[in-house]
């Protein structure tokens, strides 16, 4: 059995659980839960800066080619609809090209390398309760979080010239999010989740092949993920 058929059967099985499960209000599902998420990740064009001068812009490949995000979370839902949560996530994208190369007259060139963001976030979500009966299994939510991210760039290369190995920094981060959950049964629910994620400027120090000045950058990404949640 190939992967495509296995995936089809898995999706059909999840949908089937939702169809046969007894109707109930999602607001009745309280207490602790664990969840897992995965999906695609877009990174905004990103400037590398030296001495407050944006000397090159990194452009990233499209998500279906290289970008993805995953996450694990542990949270607790209270009767008022608030869900404090701890989330561990990982994002990865590969480079497409370098633009606005100040040291080379503003030109563009094909680029290689990848960027990763591993983060630990303290989130607070608010579940919007009491949708009309036909939609009672659905629960939209909004919220955000604060935390820290380890931002890593490695394998940077342009025109056959390599720029050092691996460079990383730990920085503060924040995110905004929204989504909708769908109750499958008493213990399981699935969700569609959106995240806007941003860090403060990371300092990578001096990078081989560039003028001898600290290199800084700021990470800005958007993620769209499917999630599966288990209520303990």
C-alpha atoms as a PDB file:
ATOM      1  CA  UNK A   1       0.000   0.000   0.000  1.00  0.00           C
ATOM      2  CA  UNK A   2       1.531   3.334  -1.071  1.00  0.00           C
ATOM      3  CA  UNK A   3       1.755   6.460   1.076  1.00  0.00           C
ATOM      4  CA  UNK A   4      -1.040   8.254  -0.783  1.00  0.00           C
ATOM      5  CA  UNK A   5      -3.535   5.454  -0.090  1.00  0.00           C
ATOM      6  CA  UNK A   6      -2.457   5.211   3.551  1.00  0.00           C
ATOM      7  CA  UNK A   7      -3.031   8.951   3.934  1.00  0.00           C
ATOM      8  CA  UNK A   8      -6.477   8.686   2.318  1.00  0.00           C
ATOM      9  CA  UNK A   9      -7.488   5.884   4.689  1.00  0.00           C
ATOM     10  CA  UNK A  10      -6.232   7.867   7.702  1.00  0.00           C
ATOM     11  CA  UNK A  11      -8.260  10.945   6.722  1.00  0.00           C
ATOM     12  CA  UNK A  12     -11.353   8.800   6.090  1.00  0.00           C
ATOM     13  CA  UNK A  13     -10.921   7.164   9.493  1.00  0.00           C
ATOM     14  CA  UNK A  14     -10.676  10.526  11.291  1.00  0.00           C
ATOM     15  CA  UNK A  15     -13.760  11.830   9.493  1.00  0.00           C
ATOM     16  CA  UNK A  16     -15.566   8.599  10.345  1.00  0.00           C
ATOM     17  CA  UNK A  17     -14.846   9.091  14.032  1.00  0.00           C
ATOM     18  CA  UNK A  18     -16.469  12.493  13.858  1.00  0.00           C
ATOM     19  CA  UNK A  19     -19.559  11.113  12.116  1.00  0.00           C
ATOM     20  CA  UNK A  20     -20.240   8.262  14.554  1.00  0.00           C
ATOM     21  CA  UNK A  21     -19.288  10.095  17.759  1.00  0.00           C
ATOM     22  CA  UNK A  22     -22.253  11.199  19.907  1.00  0.00           C
ATOM     23  CA  UNK A  23     -23.120  14.872  19.642  1.00  0.00           C
ATOM     24  CA  UNK A  24     -21.885  17.003  22.524  1.00  0.00           C
ATOM     25  CA  UNK A  25     -20.751  20.535  23.225  1.00  0.00           C
ATOM     26  CA  UNK A  26     -17.067  21.253  22.832  1.00  0.00           C
ATOM     27  CA  UNK A  27     -17.377  23.586  25.821  1.00  0.00           C
ATOM     28  CA  UNK A  28     -17.890  20.490  28.014  1.00  0.00           C
ATOM     29  CA  UNK A  29     -14.334  19.319  27.179  1.00  0.00           C
ATOM     30  CA  UNK A  30     -12.271  20.795  30.007  1.00  0.00           C
ATOM     31  CA  UNK A  31      -8.990  20.133  31.755  1.00  0.00           C
ATOM     32  CA  UNK A  32      -5.582  19.080  30.427  1.00  0.00           C
ATOM     33  CA  UNK A  33      -4.717  18.151  26.866  1.00  0.00           C
ATOM     34  CA  UNK A  34      -1.770  17.420  24.609  1.00  0.00           C
ATOM     35  CA  UNK A  35      -1.629  18.314  20.937  1.00  0.00           C
ATOM     36  CA  UNK A  36       0.554  17.891  17.863  1.00  0.00           C
ATOM     37  CA  UNK A  37       0.576  20.108  14.767  1.00  0.00           C
ATOM     38  CA  UNK A  38       2.244  20.146  11.397  1.00  0.00           C
ATOM     39  CA  UNK A  39       2.022  22.097   8.170  1.00  0.00           C
ATOM     40  CA  UNK A  40       3.607  24.665   5.882  1.00  0.00           C
ATOM     41  CA  UNK A  41       5.713  27.692   6.808  1.00  0.00           C
ATOM     42  CA  UNK A  42       6.328  30.955   4.929  1.00  0.00           C
ATOM     43  CA  UNK A  43       9.299  33.151   5.857  1.00  0.00           C
ATOM     44  CA  UNK A  44       9.215  36.811   4.829  1.00  0.00           C
ATOM     45  CA  UNK A  45      12.137  38.156   2.798  1.00  0.00           C
ATOM     46  CA  UNK A  46      14.791  38.770   5.423  1.00  0.00           C
ATOM     47  CA  UNK A  47      17.519  41.425   5.565  1.00  0.00           C
ATOM     48  CA  UNK A  48      21.001  40.713   6.874  1.00  0.00           C
ATOM     49  CA  UNK A  49      22.407  43.798   8.595  1.00  0.00           C
ATOM     50  CA  UNK A  50      25.921  45.023   9.440  1.00  0.00           C
ATOM     51  CA  UNK A  51      26.491  48.305  11.316  1.00  0.00           C
ATOM     52  CA  UNK A  52      22.772  49.163  10.883  1.00  0.00           C
ATOM     53  CA  UNK A  53      23.131  48.747   7.104  1.00  0.00           C
ATOM     54  CA  UNK A  54      20.908  46.218   5.266  1.00  0.00           C
ATOM     55  CA  UNK A  55      23.537  44.734   2.966  1.00  0.00           C
ATOM     56  CA  UNK A  56      21.645  41.749   1.498  1.00  0.00           C
ATOM     57  CA  UNK A  57      18.130  40.291   1.448  1.00  0.00           C
ATOM     58  CA  UNK A  58      17.494  36.550   1.783  1.00  0.00           C
ATOM     59  CA  UNK A  59      14.565  35.227  -0.248  1.00  0.00           C
ATOM     60  CA  UNK A  60      13.194  31.801   0.670  1.00  0.00           C
ATOM     61  CA  UNK A  61      11.700  28.964  -1.348  1.00  0.00           C
ATOM     62  CA  UNK A  62       7.952  28.451  -1.317  1.00  0.00           C
ATOM     63  CA  UNK A  63       6.587  26.148   1.435  1.00  0.00           C
ATOM     64  CA  UNK A  64       5.592  23.259  -0.835  1.00  0.00           C
ATOM     65  CA  UNK A  65       9.212  23.165  -1.979  1.00  0.00           C
ATOM     66  CA  UNK A  66      10.979  23.436   1.368  1.00  0.00           C
ATOM     67  CA  UNK A  67       9.128  25.171   4.189  1.00  0.00           C
ATOM     68  CA  UNK A  68       7.440  23.354   7.055  1.00  0.00           C
ATOM     69  CA  UNK A  69       6.479  23.837  10.698  1.00  0.00           C
ATOM     70  CA  UNK A  70       5.740  21.333  13.461  1.00  0.00           C
ATOM     71  CA  UNK A  71       4.730  21.714  17.083  1.00  0.00           C
ATOM     72  CA  UNK A  72       3.854  19.927  20.325  1.00  0.00           C
ATOM     73  CA  UNK A  73       1.812  21.544  23.092  1.00  0.00           C
ATOM     74  CA  UNK A  74       0.545  20.873  26.601  1.00  0.00           C
ATOM     75  CA  UNK A  75      -2.366  22.941  27.864  1.00  0.00           C
ATOM     76  CA  UNK A  76      -5.405  23.236  30.096  1.00  0.00           C
ATOM     77  CA  UNK A  77      -8.884  24.439  29.198  1.00  0.00           C
ATOM     78  CA  UNK A  78     -10.882  26.350  31.824  1.00  0.00           C
ATOM     79  CA  UNK A  79     -14.700  26.752  31.903  1.00  0.00           C
ATOM     80  CA  UNK A  80     -14.413  30.428  30.916  1.00  0.00           C
ATOM     81  CA  UNK A  81     -12.879  29.365  27.582  1.00  0.00           C
ATOM     82  CA  UNK A  82      -9.267  30.324  28.339  1.00  0.00           C
ATOM     83  CA  UNK A  83      -6.505  27.831  27.450  1.00  0.00           C
ATOM     84  CA  UNK A  84      -3.013  28.528  28.832  1.00  0.00           C
ATOM     85  CA  UNK A  85      -0.512  26.384  26.949  1.00  0.00           C
ATOM     86  CA  UNK A  86       3.176  25.572  26.608  1.00  0.00           C
ATOM     87  CA  UNK A  87       4.235  24.999  22.995  1.00  0.00           C
ATOM     88  CA  UNK A  88       7.457  23.615  21.564  1.00  0.00           C
ATOM     89  CA  UNK A  89       7.762  24.230  17.825  1.00  0.00           C
ATOM     90  CA  UNK A  90      10.213  23.919  14.948  1.00  0.00           C
ATOM     91  CA  UNK A  91      10.255  25.747  11.602  1.00  0.00           C
ATOM     92  CA  UNK A  92      12.575  25.212   8.644  1.00  0.00           C
ATOM     93  CA  UNK A  93      12.970  26.851   5.232  1.00  0.00           C
ATOM     94  CA  UNK A  94      15.619  26.791   2.506  1.00  0.00           C
ATOM     95  CA  UNK A  95      16.991  29.756   0.593  1.00  0.00           C
ATOM     96  CA  UNK A  96      16.158  30.627  -2.993  1.00  0.00           C
ATOM     97  CA  UNK A  97      18.345  33.659  -3.701  1.00  0.00           C
ATOM     98  CA  UNK A  98      20.099  36.743  -2.330  1.00  0.00           C
ATOM     99  CA  UNK A  99      18.765  40.149  -3.422  1.00  0.00           C
ATOM    100  CA  UNK A 100      19.834  43.792  -2.987  1.00  0.00           C
ATOM    101  CA  UNK A 101      23.494  42.866  -2.518  1.00  0.00           C
ATOM    102  CA  UNK A 102      24.934  46.211  -1.451  1.00  0.00           C
ATOM    103  CA  UNK A 103      28.550  44.998  -1.577  1.00  0.00           C
ATOM    104  CA  UNK A 104      28.001  43.816  -5.179  1.00  0.00           C
ATOM    105  CA  UNK A 105      26.163  46.818  -6.593  1.00  0.00           C
ATOM    106  CA  UNK A 106      22.640  45.780  -5.550  1.00  0.00           C
ATOM    107  CA  UNK A 107      22.546  42.625  -7.703  1.00  0.00           C
ATOM    108  CA  UNK A 108      20.711  39.333  -7.138  1.00  0.00           C
ATOM    109  CA  UNK A 109      22.153  35.831  -7.209  1.00  0.00           C
ATOM    110  CA  UNK A 110      20.947  32.292  -6.587  1.00  0.00           C
ATOM    111  CA  UNK A 111      21.437  31.299  -2.959  1.00  0.00           C
ATOM    112  CA  UNK A 112      21.719  28.110  -0.955  1.00  0.00           C
ATOM    113  CA  UNK A 113      21.398  27.329   2.734  1.00  0.00           C
ATOM    114  CA  UNK A 114      18.659  26.961   5.292  1.00  0.00           C
ATOM    115  CA  UNK A 115      17.178  28.719   8.296  1.00  0.00           C
ATOM    116  CA  UNK A 116      15.630  27.074  11.344  1.00  0.00           C
ATOM    117  CA  UNK A 117      13.652  28.451  14.277  1.00  0.00           C
ATOM    118  CA  UNK A 118      13.141  26.277  17.368  1.00  0.00           C
ATOM    119  CA  UNK A 119      10.910  27.946  19.950  1.00  0.00           C
ATOM    120  CA  UNK A 120       9.361  27.495  23.383  1.00  0.00           C
ATOM    121  CA  UNK A 121       6.244  29.625  23.822  1.00  0.00           C
ATOM    122  CA  UNK A 122       3.801  30.336  26.647  1.00  0.00           C
ATOM    123  CA  UNK A 123       0.456  30.837  24.901  1.00  0.00           C
ATOM    124  CA  UNK A 124      -2.984  31.967  25.992  1.00  0.00           C
ATOM    125  CA  UNK A 125      -5.896  31.081  23.712  1.00  0.00           C
ATOM    126  CA  UNK A 126      -9.569  31.967  24.033  1.00  0.00           C
ATOM    127  CA  UNK A 127     -12.132  29.478  22.712  1.00  0.00           C
ATOM    128  CA  UNK A 128     -15.286  31.148  21.359  1.00  0.00           C
ATOM    129  CA  UNK A 129     -18.152  29.009  22.723  1.00  0.00           C
ATOM    130  CA  UNK A 130     -21.807  28.323  21.953  1.00  0.00           C
ATOM    131  CA  UNK A 131     -21.989  28.251  18.183  1.00  0.00           C
ATOM    132  CA  UNK A 132     -25.445  27.344  16.781  1.00  0.00           C
ATOM    133  CA  UNK A 133     -26.414  23.660  16.858  1.00  0.00           C
ATOM    134  CA  UNK A 134     -25.322  22.768  13.287  1.00  0.00           C
ATOM    135  CA  UNK A 135     -21.842  24.062  14.154  1.00  0.00           C
ATOM    136  CA  UNK A 136     -21.687  22.958  17.789  1.00  0.00           C
ATOM    137  CA  UNK A 137     -18.742  20.639  17.118  1.00  0.00           C
ATOM    138  CA  UNK A 138     -16.657  23.588  15.894  1.00  0.00           C
ATOM    139  CA  UNK A 139     -14.853  25.990  18.245  1.00  0.00           C
ATOM    140  CA  UNK A 140     -12.984  28.996  16.823  1.00  0.00           C
ATOM    141  CA  UNK A 141     -10.189  30.454  18.923  1.00  0.00           C
ATOM    142  CA  UNK A 142      -7.837  33.444  19.032  1.00  0.00           C
ATOM    143  CA  UNK A 143      -4.824  34.395  21.121  1.00  0.00           C
ATOM    144  CA  UNK A 144      -1.062  34.658  21.214  1.00  0.00           C
ATOM    145  CA  UNK A 145       2.103  33.865  23.091  1.00  0.00           C
ATOM    146  CA  UNK A 146       5.512  34.979  24.317  1.00  0.00           C
ATOM    147  CA  UNK A 147       8.723  33.002  24.569  1.00  0.00           C
ATOM    148  CA  UNK A 148      12.162  32.346  23.157  1.00  0.00           C
ATOM    149  CA  UNK A 149      13.510  31.006  19.890  1.00  0.00           C
ATOM    150  CA  UNK A 150      16.845  29.571  18.812  1.00  0.00           C
ATOM    151  CA  UNK A 151      17.391  31.019  15.329  1.00  0.00           C
ATOM    152  CA  UNK A 152      19.901  29.132  13.162  1.00  0.00           C
ATOM    153  CA  UNK A 153      21.265  29.744   9.671  1.00  0.00           C
ATOM    154  CA  UNK A 154      23.675  27.308   8.065  1.00  0.00           C
ATOM    155  CA  UNK A 155      25.208  26.325   4.762  1.00  0.00           C
ATOM    156  CA  UNK A 156      24.921  29.802   3.233  1.00  0.00           C
ATOM    157  CA  UNK A 157      26.321  29.855  -0.293  1.00  0.00           C
ATOM    158  CA  UNK A 158      26.075  32.257  -3.222  1.00  0.00           C
ATOM    159  CA  UNK A 159      27.692  31.743  -6.629  1.00  0.00           C
ATOM    160  CA  UNK A 160      29.825  28.904  -5.290  1.00  0.00           C
ATOM    161  CA  UNK A 161      31.154  31.022  -2.394  1.00  0.00           C
ATOM    162  CA  UNK A 162      30.470  29.612   1.070  1.00  0.00           C
ATOM    163  CA  UNK A 163      29.807  31.846   4.067  1.00  0.00           C
ATOM    164  CA  UNK A 164      30.941  29.863   7.075  1.00  0.00           C
ATOM    165  CA  UNK A 165      29.175  26.938   8.709  1.00  0.00           C
ATOM    166  CA  UNK A 166      26.403  27.218  11.307  1.00  0.00           C
ATOM    167  CA  UNK A 167      25.433  30.447  13.063  1.00  0.00           C
ATOM    168  CA  UNK A 168      22.789  30.732  15.804  1.00  0.00           C
ATOM    169  CA  UNK A 169      21.423  32.990  18.494  1.00  0.00           C
ATOM    170  CA  UNK A 170      18.724  32.716  21.179  1.00  0.00           C
ATOM    171  CA  UNK A 171      16.233  35.581  21.063  1.00  0.00           C
ATOM    172  CA  UNK A 172      12.858  36.542  22.484  1.00  0.00           C
ATOM    173  CA  UNK A 173       9.829  35.848  20.288  1.00  0.00           C
ATOM    174  CA  UNK A 174       6.099  36.428  20.125  1.00  0.00           C
ATOM    175  CA  UNK A 175       3.229  35.083  18.093  1.00  0.00           C
ATOM    176  CA  UNK A 176      -0.421  35.691  17.284  1.00  0.00           C
ATOM    177  CA  UNK A 177      -2.713  32.871  16.294  1.00  0.00           C
ATOM    178  CA  UNK A 178      -6.201  31.821  15.368  1.00  0.00           C
ATOM    179  CA  UNK A 179      -7.900  28.657  14.240  1.00  0.00           C
ATOM    180  CA  UNK A 180     -10.850  26.376  14.632  1.00  0.00           C
ATOM    181  CA  UNK A 181     -11.186  23.060  16.455  1.00  0.00           C
ATOM    182  CA  UNK A 182     -13.535  20.221  15.536  1.00  0.00           C
ATOM    183  CA  UNK A 183     -14.636  17.716  18.186  1.00  0.00           C
ATOM    184  CA  UNK A 184     -14.322  14.089  17.080  1.00  0.00           C
ATOM    185  CA  UNK A 185     -15.343  12.451  20.352  1.00  0.00           C
ATOM    186  CA  UNK A 186     -14.935  12.819  24.109  1.00  0.00           C
ATOM    187  CA  UNK A 187     -11.130  12.670  24.003  1.00  0.00           C
ATOM    188  CA  UNK A 188     -10.084  13.666  20.475  1.00  0.00           C
ATOM    189  CA  UNK A 189     -10.388  16.825  18.415  1.00  0.00           C
ATOM    190  CA  UNK A 190      -8.667  18.148  15.314  1.00  0.00           C
ATOM    191  CA  UNK A 191      -7.895  21.716  14.323  1.00  0.00           C
ATOM    192  CA  UNK A 192      -6.800  24.064  11.575  1.00  0.00           C
ATOM    193  CA  UNK A 193      -4.273  26.538  13.015  1.00  0.00           C
ATOM    194  CA  UNK A 194      -2.671  29.775  11.789  1.00  0.00           C
ATOM    195  CA  UNK A 195       0.361  31.412  13.432  1.00  0.00           C
ATOM    196  CA  UNK A 196       2.124  34.723  12.835  1.00  0.00           C
ATOM    197  CA  UNK A 197       5.562  34.364  14.469  1.00  0.00           C
ATOM    198  CA  UNK A 198       8.288  36.983  14.939  1.00  0.00           C
ATOM    199  CA  UNK A 199      11.570  37.337  16.845  1.00  0.00           C
ATOM    200  CA  UNK A 200      13.665  40.278  17.930  1.00  0.00           C
ATOM    201  CA  UNK A 201      16.958  40.786  16.059  1.00  0.00           C
ATOM    202  CA  UNK A 202      19.367  37.868  16.305  1.00  0.00           C
ATOM    203  CA  UNK A 203      23.116  38.491  16.344  1.00  0.00           C
ATOM    204  CA  UNK A 204      25.166  35.907  14.451  1.00  0.00           C
ATOM    205  CA  UNK A 205      28.542  37.622  14.978  1.00  0.00           C
ATOM    206  CA  UNK A 206      31.122  37.667  12.184  1.00  0.00           C
ATOM    207  CA  UNK A 207      30.469  35.408   9.176  1.00  0.00           C
ATOM    208  CA  UNK A 208      33.245  34.037   6.995  1.00  0.00           C
ATOM    209  CA  UNK A 209      33.454  35.704   3.567  1.00  0.00           C
ATOM    210  CA  UNK A 210      31.757  38.934   4.670  1.00  0.00           C
ATOM    211  CA  UNK A 211      33.263  42.204   5.944  1.00  0.00           C
ATOM    212  CA  UNK A 212      34.378  41.865   9.572  1.00  0.00           C
ATOM    213  CA  UNK A 213      31.296  43.181  11.358  1.00  0.00           C
ATOM    214  CA  UNK A 214      28.523  41.485  13.308  1.00  0.00           C
ATOM    215  CA  UNK A 215      25.629  40.171  11.206  1.00  0.00           C
ATOM    216  CA  UNK A 216      22.102  40.658  12.533  1.00  0.00           C
ATOM    217  CA  UNK A 217      18.676  39.660  11.263  1.00  0.00           C
ATOM    218  CA  UNK A 218      15.047  39.406  12.331  1.00  0.00           C
ATOM    219  CA  UNK A 219      12.846  36.358  11.700  1.00  0.00           C
ATOM    220  CA  UNK A 220       9.249  36.767  10.532  1.00  0.00           C
ATOM    221  CA  UNK A 221       7.118  33.759   9.537  1.00  0.00           C
ATOM    222  CA  UNK A 222       3.559  32.582   8.985  1.00  0.00           C
ATOM    223  CA  UNK A 223       2.446  28.977   9.453  1.00  0.00           C
ATOM    224  CA  UNK A 224      -0.691  27.065   8.488  1.00  0.00           C
ATOM    225  CA  UNK A 225      -1.002  23.716  10.246  1.00  0.00           C
ATOM    226  CA  UNK A 226      -3.341  20.811  10.942  1.00  0.00           C
ATOM    227  CA  UNK A 227      -3.501  19.697  14.561  1.00  0.00           C
ATOM    228  CA  UNK A 228      -4.687  16.709  16.562  1.00  0.00           C
ATOM    229  CA  UNK A 229      -5.550  17.190  20.245  1.00  0.00           C
ATOM    230  CA  UNK A 230      -6.091  14.580  22.967  1.00  0.00           C
ATOM    231  CA  UNK A 231      -7.992  15.542  26.124  1.00  0.00           C
ATOM    232  CA  UNK A 232      -6.603  13.670  29.161  1.00  0.00           C
END
